[in-house]
Amino acid sequence: MPTAGSLCWHLGGPTDSFRDGLDPFTDGLGFLPYSNGVHDDFAGQPRRRVYRDMVGRGVLPAGYASEDGVGLYYTGTRLHEAVSIVPGIRAWQVQPDGTGGYQEQPIVARLLHSRS
């Protein structure tokens, strides 16, 4: 499942690694040519708003946000699907809208069955 460590594979994303606030991390390895917003649904944190604002303003390139518990499964550099063992959560494709804002598309996570 995604963690802040997933940022390193992408071009970057918002991080609180430098201080208590969220700053853009733009020095990822770039194996995946998108930005990445993790923990997109953490209550009491501005991650969702900040990530979308950074994409809309061009601070970060278009990319994918994931709610906590969602894994992003890529084939090569193309997002193949989102997966999870938690019902009802999702990922989001986030792109700038050309006017300083953003547009988003929900990606329903395929539910994986947990092993007992």
PDB file of N, CA and C in Angstrom:
ATOM      1  N   MET A   1       0.843  -1.163   0.000  1.00  0.00           N
ATOM      2  CA  MET A   1       0.000   0.000   0.000  1.00  0.00           C
ATOM      3  C   MET A   1       0.891   1.231   0.000  1.00  0.00           C
ATOM      4  N   PRO A   2       0.400   2.349  -0.500  1.00  0.00           N
ATOM      5  CA  PRO A   2       1.272   3.496  -0.671  1.00  0.00           C
ATOM      6  C   PRO A   2       1.693   4.103   0.661  1.00  0.00           C
ATOM      7  N   THR A   3       2.890   4.575   0.665  1.00  0.00           N
ATOM      8  CA  THR A   3       3.403   5.346   1.784  1.00  0.00           C
ATOM      9  C   THR A   3       4.152   6.515   1.194  1.00  0.00           C
ATOM     10  N   ALA A   4       4.672   7.348   2.040  1.00  0.00           N
ATOM     11  CA  ALA A   4       5.458   8.467   1.528  1.00  0.00           C
ATOM     12  C   ALA A   4       6.632   7.957   0.714  1.00  0.00           C
ATOM     13  N   GLY A   5       7.083   6.740   0.959  1.00  0.00           N
ATOM     14  CA  GLY A   5       8.169   6.157   0.179  1.00  0.00           C
ATOM     15  C   GLY A   5       7.823   5.989  -1.285  1.00  0.00           C
ATOM     16  N   SER A   6       6.537   5.955  -1.616  1.00  0.00           N
ATOM     17  CA  SER A   6       6.165   5.820  -3.027  1.00  0.00           C
ATOM     18  C   SER A   6       6.510   7.070  -3.816  1.00  0.00           C
ATOM     19  N   LEU A   7       6.675   8.199  -3.136  1.00  0.00           N
ATOM     20  CA  LEU A   7       7.032   9.431  -3.838  1.00  0.00           C
ATOM     21  C   LEU A   7       8.334   9.288  -4.617  1.00  0.00           C
ATOM     22  N   CYS A   8       9.278   8.522  -4.082  1.00  0.00           N
ATOM     23  CA  CYS A   8      10.595   8.451  -4.711  1.00  0.00           C
ATOM     24  C   CYS A   8      10.534   7.854  -6.117  1.00  0.00           C
ATOM     25  N   TRP A   9       9.582   6.981  -6.398  1.00  0.00           N
ATOM     26  CA  TRP A   9       9.485   6.349  -7.717  1.00  0.00           C
ATOM     27  C   TRP A   9       8.889   7.300  -8.744  1.00  0.00           C
ATOM     28  N   HIS A  10       8.125   8.286  -8.276  1.00  0.00           N
ATOM     29  CA  HIS A  10       7.467   9.267  -9.136  1.00  0.00           C
ATOM     30  C   HIS A  10       8.371  10.499  -9.294  1.00  0.00           C
ATOM     31  N   LEU A  11       7.863  11.500  -9.989  1.00  0.00           N
ATOM     32  CA  LEU A  11       8.613  12.756 -10.127  1.00  0.00           C
ATOM     33  C   LEU A  11       8.611  13.540  -8.824  1.00  0.00           C
ATOM     34  N   GLY A  12       7.606  13.322  -7.999  1.00  0.00           N
ATOM     35  CA  GLY A  12       7.531  14.010  -6.718  1.00  0.00           C
ATOM     36  C   GLY A  12       6.117  14.067  -6.211  1.00  0.00           C
ATOM     37  N   GLY A  13       5.924  14.866  -5.159  1.00  0.00           N
ATOM     38  CA  GLY A  13       4.616  15.026  -4.543  1.00  0.00           C
ATOM     39  C   GLY A  13       4.762  15.839  -3.276  1.00  0.00           C
ATOM     40  N   PRO A  14       3.655  16.118  -2.597  1.00  0.00           N
ATOM     41  CA  PRO A  14       3.758  16.870  -1.345  1.00  0.00           C
ATOM     42  C   PRO A  14       4.340  16.007  -0.234  1.00  0.00           C
ATOM     43  N   THR A  15       5.180  16.603   0.588  1.00  0.00           N
ATOM     44  CA  THR A  15       5.797  15.863   1.688  1.00  0.00           C
ATOM     45  C   THR A  15       5.890  16.731   2.927  1.00  0.00           C
ATOM     46  N   ASP A  16       5.851  16.078   4.084  1.00  0.00           N
ATOM     47  CA  ASP A  16       6.108  16.778   5.335  1.00  0.00           C
ATOM     48  C   ASP A  16       7.449  16.338   5.913  1.00  0.00           C
ATOM     49  N   SER A  17       8.325  15.832   5.067  1.00  0.00           N
ATOM     50  CA  SER A  17       9.652  15.369   5.508  1.00  0.00           C
ATOM     51  C   SER A  17      10.579  16.508   5.911  1.00  0.00           C
ATOM     52  N   PHE A  18      10.337  17.709   5.414  1.00  0.00           N
ATOM     53  CA  PHE A  18      11.229  18.830   5.678  1.00  0.00           C
ATOM     54  C   PHE A  18      10.806  19.656   6.890  1.00  0.00           C
ATOM     55  N   ARG A  19       9.513  19.646   7.185  1.00  0.00           N
ATOM     56  CA  ARG A  19       8.969  20.420   8.305  1.00  0.00           C
ATOM     57  C   ARG A  19       7.556  19.906   8.571  1.00  0.00           C
ATOM     58  N   ASP A  20       6.846  20.533   9.490  1.00  0.00           N
ATOM     59  CA  ASP A  20       5.492  20.089   9.811  1.00  0.00           C
ATOM     60  C   ASP A  20       4.485  20.379   8.705  1.00  0.00           C
ATOM     61  N   GLY A  21       4.746  21.374   7.864  1.00  0.00           N
ATOM     62  CA  GLY A  21       3.859  21.694   6.750  1.00  0.00           C
ATOM     63  C   GLY A  21       4.177  20.842   5.536  1.00  0.00           C
ATOM     64  N   LEU A  22       3.326  20.930   4.523  1.00  0.00           N
ATOM     65  CA  LEU A  22       3.540  20.182   3.292  1.00  0.00           C
ATOM     66  C   LEU A  22       4.252  21.042   2.266  1.00  0.00           C
ATOM     67  N   ASP A  23       5.359  20.539   1.763  1.00  0.00           N
ATOM     68  CA  ASP A  23       6.148  21.211   0.731  1.00  0.00           C
ATOM     69  C   ASP A  23       6.218  20.309  -0.492  1.00  0.00           C
ATOM     70  N   PRO A  24       6.458  20.889  -1.669  1.00  0.00           N
ATOM     71  CA  PRO A  24       6.612  20.045  -2.849  1.00  0.00           C
ATOM     72  C   PRO A  24       7.971  19.339  -2.845  1.00  0.00           C
ATOM     73  N   PHE A  25       7.949  18.056  -3.080  1.00  0.00           N
ATOM     74  CA  PHE A  25       9.158  17.277  -3.313  1.00  0.00           C
ATOM     75  C   PHE A  25       9.205  17.059  -4.820  1.00  0.00           C
ATOM     76  N   THR A  26      10.251  17.548  -5.472  1.00  0.00           N
ATOM     77  CA  THR A  26      10.317  17.501  -6.941  1.00  0.00           C
ATOM     78  C   THR A  26      11.567  16.798  -7.443  1.00  0.00           C
ATOM     79  N   ASP A  27      12.196  16.033  -6.580  1.00  0.00           N
ATOM     80  CA  ASP A  27      13.455  15.392  -6.946  1.00  0.00           C
ATOM     81  C   ASP A  27      13.350  13.863  -6.880  1.00  0.00           C
ATOM     82  N   GLY A  28      12.171  13.327  -7.268  1.00  0.00           N
ATOM     83  CA  GLY A  28      11.995  11.883  -7.275  1.00  0.00           C
ATOM     84  C   GLY A  28      12.821  11.239  -8.378  1.00  0.00           C
ATOM     85  N   LEU A  29      12.909   9.925  -8.340  1.00  0.00           N
ATOM     86  CA  LEU A  29      13.676   9.191  -9.345  1.00  0.00           C
ATOM     87  C   LEU A  29      13.060   9.289 -10.736  1.00  0.00           C
ATOM     88  N   GLY A  30      11.756   9.483 -10.799  1.00  0.00           N
ATOM     89  CA  GLY A  30      11.095   9.662 -12.088  1.00  0.00           C
ATOM     90  C   GLY A  30      10.919   8.391 -12.884  1.00  0.00           C
ATOM     91  N   PHE A  31      11.017   7.224 -12.252  1.00  0.00           N
ATOM     92  CA  PHE A  31      10.723   5.982 -12.978  1.00  0.00           C
ATOM     93  C   PHE A  31       9.272   5.985 -13.449  1.00  0.00           C
ATOM     94  N   LEU A  32       8.419   6.678 -12.714  1.00  0.00           N
ATOM     95  CA  LEU A  32       7.021   6.877 -13.086  1.00  0.00           C
ATOM     96  C   LEU A  32       6.851   8.369 -13.349  1.00  0.00           C
ATOM     97  N   PRO A  33       6.479   8.757 -14.577  1.00  0.00           N
ATOM     98  CA  PRO A  33       6.509  10.168 -14.975  1.00  0.00           C
ATOM     99  C   PRO A  33       5.293  10.977 -14.521  1.00  0.00           C
ATOM    100  N   TYR A  34       4.924  10.804 -13.269  1.00  0.00           N
ATOM    101  CA  TYR A  34       3.772  11.493 -12.707  1.00  0.00           C
ATOM    102  C   TYR A  34       4.130  11.981 -11.304  1.00  0.00           C
ATOM    103  N   SER A  35       3.305  12.868 -10.792  1.00  0.00           N
ATOM    104  CA  SER A  35       3.409  13.199  -9.377  1.00  0.00           C
ATOM    105  C   SER A  35       2.572  12.195  -8.598  1.00  0.00           C
ATOM    106  N   ASN A  36       2.725  12.212  -7.280  1.00  0.00           N
ATOM    107  CA  ASN A  36       2.043  11.236  -6.436  1.00  0.00           C
ATOM    108  C   ASN A  36       1.623  11.904  -5.139  1.00  0.00           C
ATOM    109  N   GLY A  37       0.356  11.782  -4.816  1.00  0.00           N
ATOM    110  CA  GLY A  37      -0.165  12.285  -3.548  1.00  0.00           C
ATOM    111  C   GLY A  37      -0.610  11.115  -2.698  1.00  0.00           C
ATOM    112  N   VAL A  38       0.012  10.924  -1.547  1.00  0.00           N
ATOM    113  CA  VAL A  38      -0.306   9.776  -0.695  1.00  0.00           C
ATOM    114  C   VAL A  38      -1.171  10.206   0.494  1.00  0.00           C
ATOM    115  N   HIS A  39      -1.775   9.232   1.144  1.00  0.00           N
ATOM    116  CA  HIS A  39      -2.627   9.473   2.315  1.00  0.00           C
ATOM    117  C   HIS A  39      -3.665  10.554   2.000  1.00  0.00           C
ATOM    118  N   ASP A  40      -4.296  10.420   0.847  1.00  0.00           N
ATOM    119  CA  ASP A  40      -5.188  11.446   0.319  1.00  0.00           C
ATOM    120  C   ASP A  40      -6.435  11.651   1.163  1.00  0.00           C
ATOM    121  N   ASP A  41      -6.715  10.736   2.073  1.00  0.00           N
ATOM    122  CA  ASP A  41      -7.940  10.845   2.861  1.00  0.00           C
ATOM    123  C   ASP A  41      -7.681  10.981   4.362  1.00  0.00           C
ATOM    124  N   PHE A  42      -6.469  11.323   4.766  1.00  0.00           N
ATOM    125  CA  PHE A  42      -6.187  11.471   6.194  1.00  0.00           C
ATOM    126  C   PHE A  42      -6.984  12.641   6.770  1.00  0.00           C
ATOM    127  N   ALA A  43      -7.799  12.342   7.731  1.00  0.00           N
ATOM    128  CA  ALA A  43      -8.598  13.389   8.385  1.00  0.00           C
ATOM    129  C   ALA A  43      -7.673  14.347   9.129  1.00  0.00           C
ATOM    130  N   GLY A  44      -8.023  15.612   9.111  1.00  0.00           N
ATOM    131  CA  GLY A  44      -7.261  16.600   9.856  1.00  0.00           C
ATOM    132  C   GLY A  44      -5.974  17.042   9.186  1.00  0.00           C
ATOM    133  N   GLN A  45      -5.717  16.580   7.962  1.00  0.00           N
ATOM    134  CA  GLN A  45      -4.525  17.003   7.226  1.00  0.00           C
ATOM    135  C   GLN A  45      -4.950  17.623   5.900  1.00  0.00           C
ATOM    136  N   PRO A  46      -4.191  18.584   5.422  1.00  0.00           N
ATOM    137  CA  PRO A  46      -4.556  19.231   4.163  1.00  0.00           C
ATOM    138  C   PRO A  46      -3.977  18.543   2.928  1.00  0.00           C
ATOM    139  N   ARG A  47      -3.534  17.292   3.030  1.00  0.00           N
ATOM    140  CA  ARG A  47      -2.855  16.633   1.903  1.00  0.00           C
ATOM    141  C   ARG A  47      -3.666  16.675   0.616  1.00  0.00           C
ATOM    142  N   ARG A  48      -4.938  16.353   0.690  1.00  0.00           N
ATOM    143  CA  ARG A  48      -5.785  16.310  -0.506  1.00  0.00           C
ATOM    144  C   ARG A  48      -5.810  17.674  -1.193  1.00  0.00           C
ATOM    145  N   ARG A  49      -6.114  18.710  -0.420  1.00  0.00           N
ATOM    146  CA  ARG A  49      -6.204  20.065  -0.983  1.00  0.00           C
ATOM    147  C   ARG A  49      -4.850  20.549  -1.503  1.00  0.00           C
ATOM    148  N   VAL A  50      -3.795  20.331  -0.722  1.00  0.00           N
ATOM    149  CA  VAL A  50      -2.468  20.812  -1.092  1.00  0.00           C
ATOM    150  C   VAL A  50      -1.969  20.132  -2.370  1.00  0.00           C
ATOM    151  N   TYR A  51      -2.156  18.819  -2.482  1.00  0.00           N
ATOM    152  CA  TYR A  51      -1.706  18.118  -3.690  1.00  0.00           C
ATOM    153  C   TYR A  51      -2.411  18.663  -4.929  1.00  0.00           C
ATOM    154  N   ARG A  52      -3.706  18.814  -4.855  1.00  0.00           N
ATOM    155  CA  ARG A  52      -4.459  19.299  -6.010  1.00  0.00           C
ATOM    156  C   ARG A  52      -4.085  20.746  -6.348  1.00  0.00           C
ATOM    157  N   ASP A  53      -3.845  21.545  -5.343  1.00  0.00           N
ATOM    158  CA  ASP A  53      -3.410  22.920  -5.568  1.00  0.00           C
ATOM    159  C   ASP A  53      -2.049  22.953  -6.267  1.00  0.00           C
ATOM    160  N   MET A  54      -1.120  22.100  -5.834  1.00  0.00           N
ATOM    161  CA  MET A  54       0.213  22.056  -6.450  1.00  0.00           C
ATOM    162  C   MET A  54       0.136  21.617  -7.907  1.00  0.00           C
ATOM    163  N   VAL A  55      -0.716  20.656  -8.212  1.00  0.00           N
ATOM    164  CA  VAL A  55      -0.891  20.213  -9.601  1.00  0.00           C
ATOM    165  C   VAL A  55      -1.542  21.324 -10.419  1.00  0.00           C
ATOM    166  N   GLY A  56      -2.586  21.939  -9.884  1.00  0.00           N
ATOM    167  CA  GLY A  56      -3.289  22.995 -10.609  1.00  0.00           C
ATOM    168  C   GLY A  56      -2.407  24.184 -10.938  1.00  0.00           C
ATOM    169  N   ARG A  57      -1.513  24.541 -10.018  1.00  0.00           N
ATOM    170  CA  ARG A  57      -0.618  25.691 -10.232  1.00  0.00           C
ATOM    171  C   ARG A  57       0.635  25.320 -11.018  1.00  0.00           C
ATOM    172  N   GLY A  58       0.821  24.046 -11.335  1.00  0.00           N
ATOM    173  CA  GLY A  58       1.994  23.628 -12.100  1.00  0.00           C
ATOM    174  C   GLY A  58       3.235  23.418 -11.260  1.00  0.00           C
ATOM    175  N   VAL A  59       3.106  23.438  -9.939  1.00  0.00           N
ATOM    176  CA  VAL A  59       4.244  23.155  -9.061  1.00  0.00           C
ATOM    177  C   VAL A  59       4.634  21.687  -9.192  1.00  0.00           C
ATOM    178  N   LEU A  60       3.626  20.837  -9.365  1.00  0.00           N
ATOM    179  CA  LEU A  60       3.820  19.408  -9.618  1.00  0.00           C
ATOM    180  C   LEU A  60       3.116  19.047 -10.917  1.00  0.00           C
ATOM    181  N   PRO A  61       3.632  18.063 -11.654  1.00  0.00           N
ATOM    182  CA  PRO A  61       2.947  17.618 -12.863  1.00  0.00           C
ATOM    183  C   PRO A  61       1.706  16.799 -12.513  1.00  0.00           C
ATOM    184  N   ALA A  62       0.897  16.527 -13.498  1.00  0.00           N
ATOM    185  CA  ALA A  62      -0.275  15.661 -13.322  1.00  0.00           C
ATOM    186  C   ALA A  62       0.154  14.339 -12.708  1.00  0.00           C
ATOM    187  N   GLY A  63      -0.761  13.701 -12.011  1.00  0.00           N
ATOM    188  CA  GLY A  63      -0.393  12.439 -11.391  1.00  0.00           C
ATOM    189  C   GLY A  63      -1.556  11.743 -10.734  1.00  0.00           C
ATOM    190  N   TYR A  64      -1.225  10.945  -9.739  1.00  0.00           N
ATOM    191  CA  TYR A  64      -2.198  10.097  -9.061  1.00  0.00           C
ATOM    192  C   TYR A  64      -2.126  10.291  -7.556  1.00  0.00           C
ATOM    193  N   ALA A  65      -3.294  10.432  -6.954  1.00  0.00           N
ATOM    194  CA  ALA A  65      -3.418  10.477  -5.497  1.00  0.00           C
ATOM    195  C   ALA A  65      -4.048   9.169  -5.057  1.00  0.00           C
ATOM    196  N   SER A  66      -3.710   8.735  -3.862  1.00  0.00           N
ATOM    197  CA  SER A  66      -4.290   7.485  -3.362  1.00  0.00           C
ATOM    198  C   SER A  66      -4.718   7.643  -1.916  1.00  0.00           C
ATOM    199  N   GLU A  67      -5.912   7.155  -1.645  1.00  0.00           N
ATOM    200  CA  GLU A  67      -6.391   7.119  -0.274  1.00  0.00           C
ATOM    201  C   GLU A  67      -5.583   6.069   0.470  1.00  0.00           C
ATOM    202  N   ASP A  68      -5.525   6.198   1.779  1.00  0.00           N
ATOM    203  CA  ASP A  68      -4.720   5.282   2.573  1.00  0.00           C
ATOM    204  C   ASP A  68      -5.252   3.861   2.416  1.00  0.00           C
ATOM    205  N   GLY A  69      -4.374   2.942   2.053  1.00  0.00           N
ATOM    206  CA  GLY A  69      -4.763   1.553   1.842  1.00  0.00           C
ATOM    207  C   GLY A  69      -4.927   1.177   0.384  1.00  0.00           C
ATOM    208  N   VAL A  70      -4.674   2.109  -0.525  1.00  0.00           N
ATOM    209  CA  VAL A  70      -4.761   1.833  -1.962  1.00  0.00           C
ATOM    210  C   VAL A  70      -3.363   1.670  -2.526  1.00  0.00           C
ATOM    211  N   GLY A  71      -3.178   0.641  -3.324  1.00  0.00           N
ATOM    212  CA  GLY A  71      -1.928   0.447  -4.040  1.00  0.00           C
ATOM    213  C   GLY A  71      -2.113   0.799  -5.507  1.00  0.00           C
ATOM    214  N   LEU A  72      -1.129   1.439  -6.084  1.00  0.00           N
ATOM    215  CA  LEU A  72      -1.149   1.775  -7.512  1.00  0.00           C
ATOM    216  C   LEU A  72      -0.302   0.743  -8.241  1.00  0.00           C
ATOM    217  N   TYR A  73      -0.923   0.045  -9.179  1.00  0.00           N
ATOM    218  CA  TYR A  73      -0.247  -1.024  -9.910  1.00  0.00           C
ATOM    219  C   TYR A  73       0.018  -0.535 -11.340  1.00  0.00           C
ATOM    220  N   TYR A  74       1.296  -0.390 -11.654  1.00  0.00           N
ATOM    221  CA  TYR A  74       1.707   0.090 -12.970  1.00  0.00           C
ATOM    222  C   TYR A  74       2.196  -1.060 -13.826  1.00  0.00           C
ATOM    223  N   THR A  75       1.931  -0.966 -15.128  1.00  0.00           N
ATOM    224  CA  THR A  75       2.538  -1.834 -16.123  1.00  0.00           C
ATOM    225  C   THR A  75       3.447  -0.927 -16.936  1.00  0.00           C
ATOM    226  N   GLY A  76       4.745  -1.117 -16.788  1.00  0.00           N
ATOM    227  CA  GLY A  76       5.673  -0.142 -17.356  1.00  0.00           C
ATOM    228  C   GLY A  76       5.445   1.180 -16.631  1.00  0.00           C
ATOM    229  N   THR A  77       5.167   2.230 -17.397  1.00  0.00           N
ATOM    230  CA  THR A  77       4.891   3.525 -16.773  1.00  0.00           C
ATOM    231  C   THR A  77       3.410   3.896 -16.862  1.00  0.00           C
ATOM    232  N   ARG A  78       2.573   2.965 -17.255  1.00  0.00           N
ATOM    233  CA  ARG A  78       1.129   3.208 -17.374  1.00  0.00           C
ATOM    234  C   ARG A  78       0.416   2.637 -16.157  1.00  0.00           C
ATOM    235  N   LEU A  79      -0.461   3.446 -15.542  1.00  0.00           N
ATOM    236  CA  LEU A  79      -1.238   2.932 -14.428  1.00  0.00           C
ATOM    237  C   LEU A  79      -2.183   1.862 -14.952  1.00  0.00           C
ATOM    238  N   HIS A  80      -2.038   0.660 -14.428  1.00  0.00           N
ATOM    239  CA  HIS A  80      -2.886  -0.458 -14.846  1.00  0.00           C
ATOM    240  C   HIS A  80      -4.174  -0.478 -14.029  1.00  0.00           C
ATOM    241  N   GLU A  81      -4.046  -0.348 -12.697  1.00  0.00           N
ATOM    242  CA  GLU A  81      -5.220  -0.319 -11.840  1.00  0.00           C
ATOM    243  C   GLU A  81      -4.824   0.091 -10.427  1.00  0.00           C
ATOM    244  N   ALA A  82      -5.817   0.409  -9.656  1.00  0.00           N
ATOM    245  CA  ALA A  82      -5.655   0.623  -8.220  1.00  0.00           C
ATOM    246  C   ALA A  82      -6.218  -0.613  -7.535  1.00  0.00           C
ATOM    247  N   VAL A  83      -5.560  -1.041  -6.457  1.00  0.00           N
ATOM    248  CA  VAL A  83      -5.998  -2.232  -5.728  1.00  0.00           C
ATOM    249  C   VAL A  83      -6.026  -1.943  -4.231  1.00  0.00           C
ATOM    250  N   SER A  84      -6.826  -2.716  -3.503  1.00  0.00           N
ATOM    251  CA  SER A  84      -6.891  -2.554  -2.057  1.00  0.00           C
ATOM    252  C   SER A  84      -7.523  -3.780  -1.412  1.00  0.00           C
ATOM    253  N   ILE A  85      -7.289  -3.940  -0.125  1.00  0.00           N
ATOM    254  CA  ILE A  85      -8.014  -4.947   0.647  1.00  0.00           C
ATOM    255  C   ILE A  85      -9.084  -4.265   1.499  1.00  0.00           C
ATOM    256  N   VAL A  86      -9.224  -2.953   1.349  1.00  0.00           N
ATOM    257  CA  VAL A  86     -10.210  -2.171   2.095  1.00  0.00           C
ATOM    258  C   VAL A  86     -11.334  -1.774   1.140  1.00  0.00           C
ATOM    259  N   PRO A  87     -12.547  -2.191   1.409  1.00  0.00           N
ATOM    260  CA  PRO A  87     -13.655  -1.842   0.511  1.00  0.00           C
ATOM    261  C   PRO A  87     -13.939  -0.341   0.492  1.00  0.00           C
ATOM    262  N   GLY A  88     -14.328   0.161  -0.674  1.00  0.00           N
ATOM    263  CA  GLY A  88     -14.845   1.512  -0.795  1.00  0.00           C
ATOM    264  C   GLY A  88     -13.847   2.639  -0.880  1.00  0.00           C
ATOM    265  N   ILE A  89     -12.561   2.341  -0.997  1.00  0.00           N
ATOM    266  CA  ILE A  89     -11.601   3.436  -1.120  1.00  0.00           C
ATOM    267  C   ILE A  89     -11.107   3.513  -2.554  1.00  0.00           C
ATOM    268  N   ARG A  90     -10.422   4.592  -2.889  1.00  0.00           N
ATOM    269  CA  ARG A  90     -10.045   4.785  -4.293  1.00  0.00           C
ATOM    270  C   ARG A  90      -8.779   5.609  -4.453  1.00  0.00           C
ATOM    271  N   ALA A  91      -8.390   5.694  -5.694  1.00  0.00           N
ATOM    272  CA  ALA A  91      -7.302   6.563  -6.123  1.00  0.00           C
ATOM    273  C   ALA A  91      -7.924   7.638  -7.001  1.00  0.00           C
ATOM    274  N   TRP A  92      -7.119   8.615  -7.359  1.00  0.00           N
ATOM    275  CA  TRP A  92      -7.602   9.728  -8.173  1.00  0.00           C
ATOM    276  C   TRP A  92      -6.548  10.098  -9.206  1.00  0.00           C
ATOM    277  N   GLN A  93      -6.969  10.305 -10.437  1.00  0.00           N
ATOM    278  CA  GLN A  93      -6.094  10.903 -11.440  1.00  0.00           C
ATOM    279  C   GLN A  93      -6.323  12.401 -11.345  1.00  0.00           C
ATOM    280  N   VAL A  94      -5.249  13.159 -11.167  1.00  0.00           N
ATOM    281  CA  VAL A  94      -5.354  14.602 -10.968  1.00  0.00           C
ATOM    282  C   VAL A  94      -4.534  15.302 -12.050  1.00  0.00           C
ATOM    283  N   GLN A  95      -5.180  16.241 -12.754  1.00  0.00           N
ATOM    284  CA  GLN A  95      -4.536  16.971 -13.839  1.00  0.00           C
ATOM    285  C   GLN A  95      -4.841  18.464 -13.708  1.00  0.00           C
ATOM    286  N   PRO A  96      -3.933  19.310 -14.189  1.00  0.00           N
ATOM    287  CA  PRO A  96      -4.261  20.740 -14.209  1.00  0.00           C
ATOM    288  C   PRO A  96      -5.391  20.985 -15.201  1.00  0.00           C
ATOM    289  N   ASP A  97      -6.229  21.991 -14.927  1.00  0.00           N
ATOM    290  CA  ASP A  97      -7.334  22.288 -15.845  1.00  0.00           C
ATOM    291  C   ASP A  97      -7.011  23.416 -16.814  1.00  0.00           C
ATOM    292  N   GLY A  98      -5.793  23.966 -16.744  1.00  0.00           N
ATOM    293  CA  GLY A  98      -5.387  25.024 -17.663  1.00  0.00           C
ATOM    294  C   GLY A  98      -5.730  26.428 -17.188  1.00  0.00           C
ATOM    295  N   THR A  99      -6.399  26.537 -16.055  1.00  0.00           N
ATOM    296  CA  THR A  99      -6.773  27.856 -15.533  1.00  0.00           C
ATOM    297  C   THR A  99      -6.245  28.070 -14.110  1.00  0.00           C
ATOM    298  N   GLY A 100      -5.279  27.245 -13.695  1.00  0.00           N
ATOM    299  CA  GLY A 100      -4.745  27.338 -12.340  1.00  0.00           C
ATOM    300  C   GLY A 100      -5.439  26.415 -11.359  1.00  0.00           C
ATOM    301  N   GLY A 101      -6.446  25.719 -11.822  1.00  0.00           N
ATOM    302  CA  GLY A 101      -7.161  24.756 -10.990  1.00  0.00           C
ATOM    303  C   GLY A 101      -6.807  23.337 -11.427  1.00  0.00           C
ATOM    304  N   TYR A 102      -7.623  22.411 -11.035  1.00  0.00           N
ATOM    305  CA  TYR A 102      -7.372  21.006 -11.354  1.00  0.00           C
ATOM    306  C   TYR A 102      -8.672  20.321 -11.738  1.00  0.00           C
ATOM    307  N   GLN A 103      -8.519  19.181 -12.354  1.00  0.00           N
ATOM    308  CA  GLN A 103      -9.638  18.272 -12.570  1.00  0.00           C
ATOM    309  C   GLN A 103      -9.200  16.901 -12.087  1.00  0.00           C
ATOM    310  N   GLU A 104     -10.156  16.139 -11.581  1.00  0.00           N
ATOM    311  CA  GLU A 104      -9.825  14.830 -11.043  1.00  0.00           C
ATOM    312  C   GLU A 104     -10.821  13.795 -11.533  1.00  0.00           C
ATOM    313  N   GLN A 105     -10.325  12.585 -11.665  1.00  0.00           N
ATOM    314  CA  GLN A 105     -11.140  11.440 -12.051  1.00  0.00           C
ATOM    315  C   GLN A 105     -10.957  10.368 -10.989  1.00  0.00           C
ATOM    316  N   PRO A 106     -12.036   9.865 -10.400  1.00  0.00           N
ATOM    317  CA  PRO A 106     -11.874   8.785  -9.425  1.00  0.00           C
ATOM    318  C   PRO A 106     -11.496   7.477 -10.109  1.00  0.00           C
ATOM    319  N   ILE A 107     -10.696   6.699  -9.428  1.00  0.00           N
ATOM    320  CA  ILE A 107     -10.310   5.362  -9.898  1.00  0.00           C
ATOM    321  C   ILE A 107     -10.699   4.402  -8.776  1.00  0.00           C
ATOM    322  N   VAL A 108     -11.727   3.629  -9.008  1.00  0.00           N
ATOM    323  CA  VAL A 108     -12.188   2.688  -7.990  1.00  0.00           C
ATOM    324  C   VAL A 108     -11.162   1.573  -7.860  1.00  0.00           C
ATOM    325  N   ALA A 109     -10.746   1.311  -6.643  1.00  0.00           N
ATOM    326  CA  ALA A 109      -9.756   0.256  -6.394  1.00  0.00           C
ATOM    327  C   ALA A 109     -10.417  -1.118  -6.493  1.00  0.00           C
ATOM    328  N   ARG A 110      -9.758  -2.018  -7.210  1.00  0.00           N
ATOM    329  CA  ARG A 110     -10.228  -3.404  -7.260  1.00  0.00           C
ATOM    330  C   ARG A 110      -9.962  -4.035  -5.906  1.00  0.00           C
ATOM    331  N   LEU A 111     -10.978  -4.641  -5.353  1.00  0.00           N
ATOM    332  CA  LEU A 111     -10.881  -5.233  -4.039  1.00  0.00           C
ATOM    333  C   LEU A 111     -10.165  -6.582  -4.138  1.00  0.00           C
ATOM    334  N   LEU A 112      -9.062  -6.702  -3.430  1.00  0.00           N
ATOM    335  CA  LEU A 112      -8.329  -7.959  -3.345  1.00  0.00           C
ATOM    336  C   LEU A 112      -8.860  -8.717  -2.134  1.00  0.00           C
ATOM    337  N   HIS A 113      -8.938  -9.996  -2.245  1.00  0.00           N
ATOM    338  CA  HIS A 113      -9.387 -10.809  -1.109  1.00  0.00           C
ATOM    339  C   HIS A 113      -8.218 -11.082  -0.195  1.00  0.00           C
ATOM    340  N   SER A 114      -8.396 -10.829   1.082  1.00  0.00           N
ATOM    341  CA  SER A 114      -7.324 -11.111   2.023  1.00  0.00           C
ATOM    342  C   SER A 114      -7.284 -12.609   2.289  1.00  0.00           C
ATOM    343  N   ARG A 115      -6.105 -13.087   2.588  1.00  0.00           N
ATOM    344  CA  ARG A 115      -5.941 -14.512   2.886  1.00  0.00           C
ATOM    345  C   ARG A 115      -6.131 -14.733   4.365  1.00  0.00           C
ATOM    346  N   SER A 116      -6.860 -15.732   4.714  1.00  0.00           N
ATOM    347  CA  SER A 116      -7.097 -16.044   6.133  1.00  0.00           C
ATOM    348  C   SER A 116      -6.111 -17.055   6.645  1.00  0.00           C
TER     349      SER A 116
END
